[in-house]
N, C-alpha and C. Protein backbone atom coordinates (compact mmCIF):
# COMPACT_ATOMS: atom_id res chain seq x y z
N UNK A 1 2.62 -12.64 8.69
CA UNK A 1 3.70 -11.70 8.99
C UNK A 1 4.89 -12.50 9.50
N UNK A 2 6.05 -12.38 8.81
CA UNK A 2 7.28 -13.04 9.22
C UNK A 2 8.35 -11.97 9.46
N UNK A 3 8.71 -11.72 10.72
CA UNK A 3 9.71 -10.69 11.00
C UNK A 3 11.11 -11.13 10.60
N UNK A 4 11.93 -10.14 10.21
CA UNK A 4 13.32 -10.44 9.87
C UNK A 4 14.13 -10.70 11.13
N UNK A 5 13.76 -10.04 12.24
CA UNK A 5 14.42 -10.24 13.53
C UNK A 5 13.40 -10.78 14.52
N UNK A 6 13.82 -10.91 15.76
CA UNK A 6 12.90 -11.41 16.79
C UNK A 6 11.69 -10.51 16.92
N UNK A 7 11.91 -9.19 16.82
CA UNK A 7 10.82 -8.22 16.88
C UNK A 7 10.77 -7.47 15.56
N UNK A 8 9.58 -7.32 15.00
CA UNK A 8 9.45 -6.69 13.70
C UNK A 8 8.80 -5.31 13.78
N UNK A 9 8.85 -4.59 12.66
CA UNK A 9 8.26 -3.27 12.57
C UNK A 9 7.05 -3.21 11.65
N UNK A 10 6.77 -4.31 10.94
CA UNK A 10 5.53 -4.38 10.15
C UNK A 10 4.35 -4.66 11.08
N UNK A 11 3.16 -4.28 10.64
CA UNK A 11 1.97 -4.76 11.33
C UNK A 11 0.77 -4.75 10.39
N UNK A 12 -0.18 -5.61 10.71
CA UNK A 12 -1.47 -5.59 10.02
C UNK A 12 -2.56 -5.63 11.08
N UNK A 13 -3.73 -5.13 10.73
CA UNK A 13 -4.81 -5.06 11.70
C UNK A 13 -6.14 -5.06 10.95
N UNK A 14 -7.13 -5.69 11.54
CA UNK A 14 -8.50 -5.71 11.01
C UNK A 14 -9.43 -5.56 12.21
N UNK A 15 -10.30 -4.53 12.21
CA UNK A 15 -11.14 -4.31 13.37
C UNK A 15 -12.40 -3.53 12.97
N UNK A 16 -13.51 -3.75 13.67
CA UNK A 16 -14.75 -3.02 13.38
C UNK A 16 -14.67 -1.59 13.88
N UNK A 17 -15.27 -0.66 13.12
CA UNK A 17 -15.27 0.74 13.56
C UNK A 17 -16.69 1.30 13.63
N UNK A 18 -17.69 0.42 13.65
CA UNK A 18 -19.07 0.87 13.81
C UNK A 18 -19.73 1.15 12.47
N UNK A 19 -21.05 1.18 12.51
CA UNK A 19 -21.81 1.49 11.29
C UNK A 19 -21.69 0.42 10.22
N UNK A 20 -21.43 -0.82 10.62
CA UNK A 20 -21.28 -1.89 9.64
C UNK A 20 -20.03 -1.75 8.79
N UNK A 21 -18.96 -1.18 9.37
CA UNK A 21 -17.72 -0.96 8.64
C UNK A 21 -16.56 -1.69 9.32
N UNK A 22 -15.60 -2.11 8.51
CA UNK A 22 -14.42 -2.80 9.00
C UNK A 22 -13.17 -2.08 8.52
N UNK A 23 -12.26 -1.80 9.45
CA UNK A 23 -10.99 -1.16 9.11
C UNK A 23 -9.95 -2.22 8.77
N UNK A 24 -9.14 -1.94 7.74
CA UNK A 24 -8.10 -2.85 7.28
C UNK A 24 -6.81 -2.05 7.16
N UNK A 25 -5.76 -2.48 7.87
CA UNK A 25 -4.51 -1.72 7.93
C UNK A 25 -3.32 -2.65 7.68
N UNK A 26 -2.40 -2.20 6.83
CA UNK A 26 -1.09 -2.84 6.70
C UNK A 26 -0.06 -1.73 6.70
N UNK A 27 0.99 -1.88 7.53
CA UNK A 27 1.95 -0.79 7.69
C UNK A 27 3.36 -1.31 7.87
N UNK A 28 4.32 -0.44 7.61
CA UNK A 28 5.74 -0.78 7.68
C UNK A 28 6.48 0.39 8.33
N UNK A 29 7.03 0.14 9.51
CA UNK A 29 7.79 1.17 10.23
C UNK A 29 9.24 1.14 9.76
N UNK A 30 9.86 2.31 9.65
CA UNK A 30 11.27 2.38 9.27
C UNK A 30 12.13 1.69 10.32
N UNK A 31 13.23 1.11 9.87
CA UNK A 31 14.13 0.44 10.80
C UNK A 31 13.66 -0.95 11.15
N UNK A 32 14.39 -1.58 12.07
CA UNK A 32 14.11 -2.96 12.48
C UNK A 32 14.36 -3.10 13.97
N UNK A 33 13.98 -4.26 14.49
CA UNK A 33 14.29 -4.56 15.88
C UNK A 33 13.41 -3.84 16.88
N UNK A 34 13.94 -3.64 18.08
CA UNK A 34 13.17 -3.09 19.20
C UNK A 34 12.64 -1.68 18.92
N UNK A 35 13.46 -0.72 18.41
CA UNK A 35 12.91 0.62 18.16
C UNK A 35 11.73 0.60 17.19
N UNK A 36 11.86 -0.18 16.11
CA UNK A 36 10.76 -0.26 15.15
C UNK A 36 9.53 -0.90 15.77
N UNK A 37 9.72 -1.90 16.62
CA UNK A 37 8.59 -2.57 17.26
C UNK A 37 7.84 -1.63 18.21
N UNK A 38 8.58 -0.81 18.95
CA UNK A 38 7.93 0.16 19.84
C UNK A 38 7.16 1.20 19.03
N UNK A 39 7.78 1.71 17.95
CA UNK A 39 7.11 2.72 17.13
C UNK A 39 5.88 2.10 16.46
N UNK A 40 6.00 0.86 16.05
CA UNK A 40 4.86 0.15 15.47
C UNK A 40 3.70 0.09 16.45
N UNK A 41 3.99 -0.22 17.71
CA UNK A 41 2.93 -0.31 18.71
C UNK A 41 2.23 1.03 18.91
N UNK A 42 3.01 2.12 18.90
CA UNK A 42 2.43 3.45 19.04
C UNK A 42 1.55 3.78 17.84
N UNK A 43 2.06 3.53 16.63
CA UNK A 43 1.31 3.84 15.41
C UNK A 43 0.02 3.03 15.34
N UNK A 44 0.10 1.75 15.67
CA UNK A 44 -1.09 0.89 15.63
C UNK A 44 -2.14 1.38 16.62
N UNK A 45 -1.71 1.75 17.83
CA UNK A 45 -2.65 2.23 18.84
C UNK A 45 -3.32 3.53 18.40
N UNK A 46 -2.55 4.45 17.81
CA UNK A 46 -3.11 5.72 17.35
C UNK A 46 -4.12 5.49 16.23
N UNK A 47 -3.77 4.64 15.27
CA UNK A 47 -4.69 4.38 14.15
C UNK A 47 -5.99 3.78 14.67
N UNK A 48 -5.89 2.82 15.57
CA UNK A 48 -7.10 2.20 16.14
C UNK A 48 -7.96 3.23 16.87
N UNK A 49 -7.32 4.13 17.61
CA UNK A 49 -8.07 5.12 18.39
C UNK A 49 -8.75 6.14 17.50
N UNK A 50 -8.03 6.63 16.50
CA UNK A 50 -8.56 7.69 15.64
C UNK A 50 -9.58 7.15 14.65
N UNK A 51 -9.42 5.90 14.20
CA UNK A 51 -10.28 5.33 13.17
C UNK A 51 -11.76 5.38 13.53
N UNK A 52 -12.06 5.22 14.80
CA UNK A 52 -13.47 5.17 15.22
C UNK A 52 -14.15 6.53 15.19
N UNK A 53 -13.38 7.63 15.17
CA UNK A 53 -13.97 8.97 15.18
C UNK A 53 -13.69 9.75 13.90
N UNK A 54 -12.77 9.27 13.07
CA UNK A 54 -12.43 9.97 11.83
C UNK A 54 -13.55 9.84 10.81
N UNK A 55 -13.64 10.80 9.90
CA UNK A 55 -14.68 10.75 8.87
C UNK A 55 -14.35 9.77 7.76
N UNK A 56 -13.11 9.34 7.68
CA UNK A 56 -12.69 8.40 6.64
C UNK A 56 -11.20 8.16 6.73
N UNK A 57 -10.65 7.33 5.84
CA UNK A 57 -9.21 7.01 5.88
C UNK A 57 -8.30 8.24 5.77
N UNK A 58 -8.63 9.18 4.88
CA UNK A 58 -7.78 10.36 4.72
C UNK A 58 -7.75 11.20 5.99
N UNK A 59 -8.91 11.39 6.60
CA UNK A 59 -8.99 12.16 7.85
C UNK A 59 -8.23 11.45 8.96
N UNK A 60 -8.34 10.12 9.01
CA UNK A 60 -7.60 9.34 10.01
C UNK A 60 -6.10 9.56 9.84
N UNK A 61 -5.61 9.50 8.61
CA UNK A 61 -4.18 9.72 8.36
C UNK A 61 -3.74 11.11 8.81
N UNK A 62 -4.53 12.12 8.50
CA UNK A 62 -4.16 13.49 8.87
C UNK A 62 -4.02 13.63 10.38
N UNK A 63 -4.97 13.06 11.12
CA UNK A 63 -4.92 13.16 12.57
C UNK A 63 -3.77 12.36 13.17
N UNK A 64 -3.58 11.13 12.68
CA UNK A 64 -2.49 10.30 13.21
C UNK A 64 -1.13 10.91 12.87
N UNK A 65 -1.01 11.46 11.67
CA UNK A 65 0.25 12.08 11.28
C UNK A 65 0.60 13.24 12.21
N UNK A 66 -0.39 14.06 12.56
CA UNK A 66 -0.14 15.18 13.47
C UNK A 66 0.34 14.67 14.84
N UNK A 67 -0.29 13.61 15.32
CA UNK A 67 0.09 13.07 16.63
C UNK A 67 1.50 12.49 16.60
N UNK A 68 1.84 11.79 15.53
CA UNK A 68 3.18 11.22 15.42
C UNK A 68 4.24 12.32 15.27
N UNK A 69 3.91 13.35 14.48
CA UNK A 69 4.87 14.45 14.31
C UNK A 69 5.07 15.22 15.62
N UNK A 70 4.06 15.25 16.48
CA UNK A 70 4.18 15.92 17.76
C UNK A 70 5.12 15.21 18.71
N UNK A 71 5.42 13.95 18.43
CA UNK A 71 6.36 13.18 19.25
C UNK A 71 7.40 12.56 18.33
N UNK A 72 7.95 13.40 17.45
CA UNK A 72 8.85 12.90 16.40
C UNK A 72 10.12 12.30 16.99
N UNK A 73 10.48 11.13 16.45
CA UNK A 73 11.73 10.47 16.79
C UNK A 73 12.58 10.46 15.53
N UNK A 74 13.76 11.07 15.55
CA UNK A 74 14.58 11.16 14.33
C UNK A 74 14.77 9.81 13.65
N UNK A 75 14.50 9.80 12.36
CA UNK A 75 14.70 8.59 11.58
C UNK A 75 13.54 7.61 11.61
N UNK A 76 12.49 7.89 12.39
CA UNK A 76 11.36 6.97 12.50
C UNK A 76 10.14 7.53 11.78
N UNK A 77 9.50 6.70 10.99
CA UNK A 77 8.26 7.04 10.30
C UNK A 77 7.57 5.74 9.93
N UNK A 78 6.36 5.84 9.40
CA UNK A 78 5.62 4.63 9.06
C UNK A 78 4.86 4.84 7.75
N UNK A 79 4.96 3.88 6.85
CA UNK A 79 4.13 3.86 5.65
C UNK A 79 2.91 2.99 5.95
N UNK A 80 1.74 3.43 5.48
CA UNK A 80 0.50 2.75 5.84
C UNK A 80 -0.46 2.71 4.66
N UNK A 81 -1.07 1.55 4.43
CA UNK A 81 -2.27 1.46 3.59
C UNK A 81 -3.43 1.19 4.52
N UNK A 82 -4.47 2.04 4.42
CA UNK A 82 -5.62 1.93 5.31
C UNK A 82 -6.89 2.00 4.49
N UNK A 83 -7.76 1.00 4.68
CA UNK A 83 -9.03 0.95 3.96
C UNK A 83 -10.17 0.70 4.93
N UNK A 84 -11.35 1.20 4.56
CA UNK A 84 -12.57 0.95 5.32
C UNK A 84 -13.55 0.23 4.40
N UNK A 85 -13.92 -0.97 4.79
CA UNK A 85 -14.86 -1.78 4.01
C UNK A 85 -16.26 -1.64 4.57
N UNK A 86 -17.19 -1.21 3.72
CA UNK A 86 -18.60 -1.16 4.10
C UNK A 86 -19.17 -2.57 3.92
N UNK A 87 -19.52 -3.21 5.02
CA UNK A 87 -19.93 -4.61 4.95
C UNK A 87 -21.27 -4.82 4.24
N UNK A 88 -22.03 -3.74 4.07
CA UNK A 88 -23.31 -3.87 3.38
C UNK A 88 -23.18 -3.69 1.88
N UNK A 89 -22.48 -2.64 1.47
CA UNK A 89 -22.35 -2.33 0.04
C UNK A 89 -21.12 -2.96 -0.60
N UNK A 90 -20.18 -3.48 0.22
CA UNK A 90 -18.90 -4.02 -0.26
C UNK A 90 -18.07 -2.96 -0.98
N UNK A 91 -18.28 -1.71 -0.59
CA UNK A 91 -17.46 -0.60 -1.11
C UNK A 91 -16.26 -0.39 -0.20
N UNK A 92 -15.11 -0.17 -0.80
CA UNK A 92 -13.86 -0.02 -0.06
C UNK A 92 -13.33 1.40 -0.27
N UNK A 93 -13.27 2.18 0.81
CA UNK A 93 -12.65 3.51 0.77
C UNK A 93 -11.24 3.38 1.34
N UNK A 94 -10.26 4.01 0.68
CA UNK A 94 -8.89 3.80 1.13
C UNK A 94 -8.03 5.04 0.94
N UNK A 95 -6.96 5.08 1.74
CA UNK A 95 -5.93 6.10 1.62
C UNK A 95 -4.58 5.40 1.73
N UNK A 96 -3.57 6.02 1.16
CA UNK A 96 -2.26 5.40 1.13
C UNK A 96 -1.19 6.40 1.57
N UNK A 97 -0.52 6.07 2.68
CA UNK A 97 0.53 6.95 3.19
C UNK A 97 1.91 6.42 2.85
N UNK A 98 2.34 6.65 1.60
CA UNK A 98 3.68 6.27 1.19
C UNK A 98 3.94 4.77 1.15
N UNK A 99 2.88 3.97 1.02
CA UNK A 99 3.00 2.52 1.06
C UNK A 99 2.86 1.92 -0.34
N UNK A 100 3.25 0.65 -0.48
CA UNK A 100 3.03 -0.04 -1.75
C UNK A 100 1.53 -0.21 -1.96
N UNK A 101 1.08 0.07 -3.17
CA UNK A 101 -0.35 -0.08 -3.46
C UNK A 101 -0.71 -1.55 -3.57
N UNK A 102 -1.83 -1.96 -2.97
CA UNK A 102 -2.25 -3.36 -3.06
C UNK A 102 -2.63 -3.73 -4.50
N UNK A 103 -2.62 -5.03 -4.75
CA UNK A 103 -3.12 -5.56 -6.01
C UNK A 103 -4.58 -5.99 -5.83
N UNK A 104 -5.39 -5.67 -6.83
CA UNK A 104 -6.77 -6.14 -6.85
C UNK A 104 -6.92 -7.10 -8.02
N UNK A 105 -7.53 -8.25 -7.75
CA UNK A 105 -7.65 -9.26 -8.80
C UNK A 105 -8.95 -10.03 -8.70
N UNK A 106 -9.16 -10.87 -9.72
CA UNK A 106 -10.32 -11.75 -9.80
C UNK A 106 -9.99 -12.83 -10.82
N UNK A 107 -10.59 -13.97 -10.68
CA UNK A 107 -10.33 -15.06 -11.62
C UNK A 107 -10.62 -14.59 -13.06
N UNK A 108 -9.66 -14.83 -13.94
CA UNK A 108 -9.82 -14.46 -15.34
C UNK A 108 -9.36 -13.05 -15.67
N UNK A 109 -9.00 -12.27 -14.63
CA UNK A 109 -8.53 -10.91 -14.86
C UNK A 109 -7.10 -10.78 -14.33
N UNK A 110 -6.27 -10.03 -15.05
CA UNK A 110 -4.91 -9.77 -14.60
C UNK A 110 -4.95 -8.84 -13.40
N UNK A 111 -4.33 -9.21 -12.28
CA UNK A 111 -4.34 -8.32 -11.11
C UNK A 111 -3.58 -7.04 -11.39
N UNK A 112 -4.11 -5.93 -10.90
CA UNK A 112 -3.46 -4.63 -11.12
C UNK A 112 -3.44 -3.87 -9.79
N UNK A 113 -2.43 -2.99 -9.59
CA UNK A 113 -2.40 -2.19 -8.37
C UNK A 113 -3.57 -1.21 -8.33
N UNK A 114 -4.09 -0.97 -7.14
CA UNK A 114 -5.10 0.07 -6.98
C UNK A 114 -4.51 1.42 -7.36
N UNK A 115 -5.34 2.29 -7.86
CA UNK A 115 -4.90 3.65 -8.21
C UNK A 115 -5.41 4.64 -7.18
N UNK A 116 -4.68 5.75 -7.04
CA UNK A 116 -5.15 6.84 -6.18
C UNK A 116 -4.82 6.65 -4.72
N UNK A 117 -5.47 7.47 -3.90
CA UNK A 117 -5.24 7.43 -2.46
C UNK A 117 -3.83 7.82 -2.08
N UNK A 118 -3.27 8.79 -2.79
CA UNK A 118 -1.85 9.12 -2.60
C UNK A 118 -1.61 9.96 -1.34
N UNK A 119 -0.40 9.83 -0.80
CA UNK A 119 0.01 10.62 0.35
C UNK A 119 1.38 10.16 0.83
N UNK A 120 2.02 10.99 1.64
CA UNK A 120 3.37 10.70 2.12
C UNK A 120 3.30 9.84 3.38
N UNK A 121 4.46 9.29 3.77
CA UNK A 121 4.53 8.50 5.00
C UNK A 121 4.13 9.35 6.20
N UNK A 122 3.72 8.69 7.26
CA UNK A 122 3.27 9.38 8.47
C UNK A 122 4.41 9.53 9.47
N UNK A 123 4.46 10.70 10.11
CA UNK A 123 5.40 10.90 11.19
C UNK A 123 6.58 11.79 10.88
N UNK A 124 6.64 12.37 9.68
CA UNK A 124 7.77 13.24 9.32
C UNK A 124 7.35 14.69 9.15
N UNK A 125 6.35 14.94 8.29
CA UNK A 125 5.93 16.30 7.98
C UNK A 125 4.51 16.54 8.48
N UNK A 126 4.35 17.59 9.28
CA UNK A 126 3.02 17.93 9.79
C UNK A 126 2.18 18.62 8.71
N UNK A 127 0.90 18.78 9.00
CA UNK A 127 -0.04 19.50 8.12
C UNK A 127 -0.13 18.88 6.74
N UNK A 128 -0.18 17.57 6.68
CA UNK A 128 -0.30 16.88 5.40
C UNK A 128 -1.77 16.61 5.06
N UNK A 129 -2.08 16.72 3.77
CA UNK A 129 -3.42 16.39 3.27
C UNK A 129 -3.31 15.08 2.49
N UNK A 130 -4.17 14.14 2.81
CA UNK A 130 -4.14 12.83 2.16
C UNK A 130 -5.34 12.66 1.25
N UNK A 131 -5.11 12.00 0.13
CA UNK A 131 -6.19 11.72 -0.83
C UNK A 131 -6.94 10.46 -0.41
N UNK A 132 -8.16 10.35 -0.89
CA UNK A 132 -8.99 9.19 -0.58
C UNK A 132 -9.63 8.69 -1.87
N UNK A 133 -9.64 7.39 -2.06
CA UNK A 133 -10.22 6.79 -3.27
C UNK A 133 -11.18 5.68 -2.88
N UNK A 134 -11.93 5.21 -3.87
CA UNK A 134 -12.97 4.20 -3.63
C UNK A 134 -12.90 3.12 -4.69
N UNK A 135 -13.12 1.88 -4.28
CA UNK A 135 -13.29 0.79 -5.23
C UNK A 135 -14.38 -0.14 -4.70
N UNK A 136 -15.08 -0.80 -5.60
CA UNK A 136 -16.11 -1.75 -5.21
C UNK A 136 -15.55 -3.17 -5.28
N UNK A 137 -15.85 -3.96 -4.26
CA UNK A 137 -15.43 -5.36 -4.24
C UNK A 137 -16.57 -6.21 -4.79
N UNK A 138 -16.42 -6.60 -6.06
CA UNK A 138 -17.43 -7.43 -6.69
C UNK A 138 -17.24 -8.89 -6.27
N UNK A 139 -18.23 -9.73 -6.59
CA UNK A 139 -18.16 -11.14 -6.23
C UNK A 139 -16.89 -11.77 -6.81
N UNK A 140 -16.09 -12.41 -5.94
CA UNK A 140 -14.86 -13.05 -6.37
C UNK A 140 -13.64 -12.17 -6.35
N UNK A 141 -13.80 -10.85 -6.15
CA UNK A 141 -12.66 -9.94 -6.09
C UNK A 141 -11.82 -10.21 -4.84
N UNK A 142 -10.51 -10.03 -4.99
CA UNK A 142 -9.64 -10.08 -3.83
C UNK A 142 -8.67 -8.90 -3.85
N UNK A 143 -8.25 -8.52 -2.67
CA UNK A 143 -7.27 -7.45 -2.49
C UNK A 143 -6.07 -8.05 -1.77
N UNK A 144 -4.89 -7.91 -2.38
CA UNK A 144 -3.66 -8.42 -1.77
C UNK A 144 -2.85 -7.22 -1.29
N UNK A 145 -2.80 -7.02 0.03
CA UNK A 145 -2.10 -5.89 0.65
C UNK A 145 -0.78 -6.43 1.23
N UNK A 146 0.31 -5.70 1.05
CA UNK A 146 1.60 -6.26 1.42
C UNK A 146 2.59 -5.16 1.79
N UNK A 147 3.71 -5.56 2.38
CA UNK A 147 4.82 -4.65 2.62
C UNK A 147 5.95 -4.97 1.64
N UNK A 148 6.93 -4.07 1.58
CA UNK A 148 7.99 -4.25 0.57
C UNK A 148 8.90 -5.43 0.87
N UNK A 149 8.74 -6.07 2.03
CA UNK A 149 9.49 -7.29 2.30
C UNK A 149 9.14 -8.41 1.34
N UNK A 150 7.95 -8.34 0.72
CA UNK A 150 7.55 -9.35 -0.27
C UNK A 150 8.29 -9.10 -1.59
N UNK A 151 8.13 -7.91 -2.13
CA UNK A 151 8.70 -7.62 -3.45
C UNK A 151 10.21 -7.40 -3.41
N UNK A 152 10.74 -7.08 -2.22
CA UNK A 152 12.18 -6.87 -2.08
C UNK A 152 12.85 -8.05 -1.36
N UNK A 153 12.24 -9.22 -1.46
CA UNK A 153 12.88 -10.44 -0.97
C UNK A 153 13.97 -10.82 -1.98
N UNK A 154 15.20 -10.94 -1.53
CA UNK A 154 16.33 -11.15 -2.43
C UNK A 154 16.80 -12.61 -2.40
N UNK A 155 17.22 -13.08 -3.58
CA UNK A 155 17.85 -14.39 -3.65
C UNK A 155 19.37 -14.24 -3.47
N UNK A 156 20.09 -15.34 -3.61
CA UNK A 156 21.54 -15.32 -3.37
C UNK A 156 22.28 -14.43 -4.37
N UNK A 157 21.66 -14.14 -5.52
CA UNK A 157 22.27 -13.28 -6.53
C UNK A 157 21.89 -11.82 -6.36
N UNK A 158 21.24 -11.49 -5.22
CA UNK A 158 20.78 -10.13 -4.91
C UNK A 158 19.76 -9.63 -5.92
N UNK A 159 18.96 -10.53 -6.44
CA UNK A 159 17.86 -10.20 -7.34
C UNK A 159 16.58 -10.17 -6.53
N UNK A 160 15.77 -9.10 -6.70
CA UNK A 160 14.54 -8.94 -5.93
C UNK A 160 13.39 -9.71 -6.54
N UNK A 161 12.47 -10.15 -5.69
CA UNK A 161 11.28 -10.88 -6.17
C UNK A 161 10.48 -10.00 -7.12
N UNK A 162 10.29 -8.73 -6.82
CA UNK A 162 9.70 -7.69 -7.70
C UNK A 162 8.17 -7.74 -7.77
N UNK A 163 7.60 -6.59 -8.10
CA UNK A 163 6.15 -6.49 -8.28
C UNK A 163 5.69 -7.26 -9.50
N UNK A 164 6.54 -7.36 -10.52
CA UNK A 164 6.17 -8.12 -11.72
C UNK A 164 5.97 -9.59 -11.39
N UNK A 165 6.87 -10.18 -10.61
CA UNK A 165 6.70 -11.58 -10.22
C UNK A 165 5.50 -11.75 -9.30
N UNK A 166 5.26 -10.77 -8.44
CA UNK A 166 4.10 -10.85 -7.56
C UNK A 166 2.81 -10.83 -8.37
N UNK A 167 2.73 -9.95 -9.36
CA UNK A 167 1.53 -9.88 -10.21
C UNK A 167 1.30 -11.21 -10.92
N UNK A 168 2.36 -11.83 -11.42
CA UNK A 168 2.23 -13.13 -12.07
C UNK A 168 1.76 -14.19 -11.09
N UNK A 169 2.27 -14.13 -9.88
CA UNK A 169 1.90 -15.08 -8.84
C UNK A 169 0.42 -14.95 -8.47
N UNK A 170 -0.11 -13.73 -8.53
CA UNK A 170 -1.50 -13.47 -8.17
C UNK A 170 -2.46 -13.68 -9.33
N UNK A 171 -1.95 -13.99 -10.50
CA UNK A 171 -2.79 -14.28 -11.67
C UNK A 171 -3.24 -15.73 -11.56
N UNK A 172 -4.33 -15.96 -10.85
CA UNK A 172 -4.68 -17.29 -10.35
C UNK A 172 -5.69 -18.01 -11.24
N UNK A 173 -5.56 -19.33 -11.25
CA UNK A 173 -6.57 -20.18 -11.85
C UNK A 173 -7.57 -20.58 -10.77
N UNK A 174 -8.78 -20.93 -11.21
CA UNK A 174 -9.78 -21.36 -10.24
C UNK A 174 -10.26 -20.21 -9.39
N UNK A 175 -10.77 -20.56 -8.20
CA UNK A 175 -11.34 -19.56 -7.30
C UNK A 175 -10.81 -19.82 -5.89
N UNK A 176 -9.51 -19.57 -5.64
CA UNK A 176 -8.90 -19.93 -4.35
C UNK A 176 -9.42 -19.06 -3.21
N UNK A 177 -9.38 -19.64 -2.01
CA UNK A 177 -9.73 -18.88 -0.82
C UNK A 177 -8.58 -17.95 -0.45
N UNK A 178 -8.87 -17.02 0.48
CA UNK A 178 -7.87 -16.02 0.86
C UNK A 178 -6.59 -16.68 1.38
N UNK A 179 -6.74 -17.70 2.24
CA UNK A 179 -5.56 -18.37 2.79
C UNK A 179 -4.74 -19.05 1.69
N UNK A 180 -5.41 -19.58 0.67
CA UNK A 180 -4.69 -20.23 -0.43
C UNK A 180 -3.89 -19.21 -1.25
N UNK A 181 -4.42 -18.00 -1.36
CA UNK A 181 -3.68 -16.94 -2.07
C UNK A 181 -2.42 -16.59 -1.29
N UNK A 182 -2.55 -16.44 0.02
CA UNK A 182 -1.39 -16.16 0.87
C UNK A 182 -0.36 -17.28 0.76
N UNK A 183 -0.83 -18.52 0.80
CA UNK A 183 0.08 -19.66 0.76
C UNK A 183 0.83 -19.72 -0.57
N UNK A 184 0.16 -19.40 -1.67
CA UNK A 184 0.84 -19.42 -2.95
C UNK A 184 1.96 -18.38 -2.98
N UNK A 185 1.68 -17.19 -2.48
CA UNK A 185 2.73 -16.16 -2.46
C UNK A 185 3.88 -16.60 -1.56
N UNK A 186 3.57 -17.15 -0.39
CA UNK A 186 4.62 -17.63 0.51
C UNK A 186 5.51 -18.65 -0.20
N UNK A 187 4.89 -19.59 -0.90
CA UNK A 187 5.65 -20.64 -1.57
C UNK A 187 6.50 -20.08 -2.71
N UNK A 188 5.94 -19.15 -3.48
CA UNK A 188 6.68 -18.57 -4.60
C UNK A 188 7.88 -17.75 -4.12
N UNK A 189 7.67 -16.98 -3.06
CA UNK A 189 8.77 -16.18 -2.51
C UNK A 189 9.85 -17.09 -1.94
N UNK A 190 9.45 -18.12 -1.20
CA UNK A 190 10.41 -19.05 -0.61
C UNK A 190 11.21 -19.77 -1.69
N UNK A 191 10.53 -20.17 -2.76
CA UNK A 191 11.24 -20.83 -3.87
C UNK A 191 12.21 -19.89 -4.54
N UNK A 192 11.83 -18.63 -4.66
CA UNK A 192 12.68 -17.64 -5.34
C UNK A 192 13.93 -17.34 -4.52
N UNK A 193 13.79 -17.11 -3.21
CA UNK A 193 14.95 -16.74 -2.40
C UNK A 193 15.83 -17.95 -2.12
N UNK A 194 15.24 -19.16 -2.17
CA UNK A 194 16.00 -20.41 -2.07
C UNK A 194 16.94 -20.45 -0.87
N UNK A 195 16.42 -20.02 0.29
CA UNK A 195 17.19 -20.12 1.50
C UNK A 195 18.10 -18.95 1.81
N UNK A 196 18.10 -17.91 0.96
CA UNK A 196 18.91 -16.71 1.24
C UNK A 196 18.39 -16.03 2.50
N UNK A 197 19.26 -15.30 3.19
CA UNK A 197 18.89 -14.63 4.43
C UNK A 197 17.76 -13.63 4.20
N UNK A 198 16.83 -13.58 5.16
CA UNK A 198 15.73 -12.61 5.12
C UNK A 198 16.18 -11.32 5.78
N UNK A 199 16.12 -10.21 5.04
CA UNK A 199 16.62 -8.93 5.55
C UNK A 199 15.52 -7.95 5.93
N UNK A 200 14.26 -8.29 5.65
CA UNK A 200 13.17 -7.37 5.97
C UNK A 200 11.96 -8.17 6.40
N UNK A 201 11.10 -7.52 7.21
CA UNK A 201 9.84 -8.15 7.59
C UNK A 201 9.00 -8.40 6.34
N UNK A 202 8.27 -9.52 6.35
CA UNK A 202 7.42 -9.88 5.20
C UNK A 202 5.99 -9.99 5.70
N UNK A 203 5.10 -9.14 5.20
CA UNK A 203 3.72 -9.11 5.68
C UNK A 203 2.75 -9.06 4.51
N UNK A 204 1.71 -9.89 4.57
CA UNK A 204 0.68 -9.93 3.55
C UNK A 204 -0.68 -10.07 4.21
N UNK A 205 -1.68 -9.49 3.57
CA UNK A 205 -3.06 -9.62 4.04
C UNK A 205 -3.97 -9.70 2.81
N UNK A 206 -4.88 -10.63 2.82
CA UNK A 206 -5.82 -10.80 1.69
C UNK A 206 -7.24 -10.54 2.16
N UNK A 207 -7.95 -9.69 1.42
CA UNK A 207 -9.38 -9.48 1.63
C UNK A 207 -10.09 -10.00 0.40
N UNK A 208 -11.02 -10.91 0.57
CA UNK A 208 -11.72 -11.48 -0.58
C UNK A 208 -13.22 -11.48 -0.35
N UNK A 209 -13.94 -11.10 -1.40
CA UNK A 209 -15.40 -11.19 -1.36
C UNK A 209 -15.81 -12.53 -1.93
N UNK A 210 -16.55 -13.30 -1.15
CA UNK A 210 -16.98 -14.64 -1.57
C UNK A 210 -18.16 -14.55 -2.52
């Protein structure tokens, strides 16, 4: 995670929620600076608290959305991708609250965005119903979760890095580790922007089954 300012509004989180399950969160709060950082802290705390008692990612989103809407701050909301990994079966249940869909890939296969798990951003409209989807993490599969600071990184010509370039970057040879996947994306984005000013937080998280 590289913030655009001293304090950022993106966050990622990985934590156990019991029953041999691990929660995986990547989120992007509207705005930048101190207000976004405070809202980020509230959203992260609520997700962590609700995740341990919710029946799944969709239920967690519904509860957190109600809590955020009950303390609505004009102009503030958060997009979130939230997944629960079953450490025994390697099954991934996920919901998406207005966030960029992660890419799923494997050596020899073209990475593609996950499908499903649709829903709106959290913190604006109450009484929202969120969809939930499932994917299995097979041996060698990786999930690249990110915020729009990656795909909307601009070069000096105001050209965005784009999801197409990201997909090409994630089309990997060999069998790289999670950190190597992150490093490749960092290098490709840095080469593309070529020193242009960073205008948004840049956050990435890789989950890989060995």
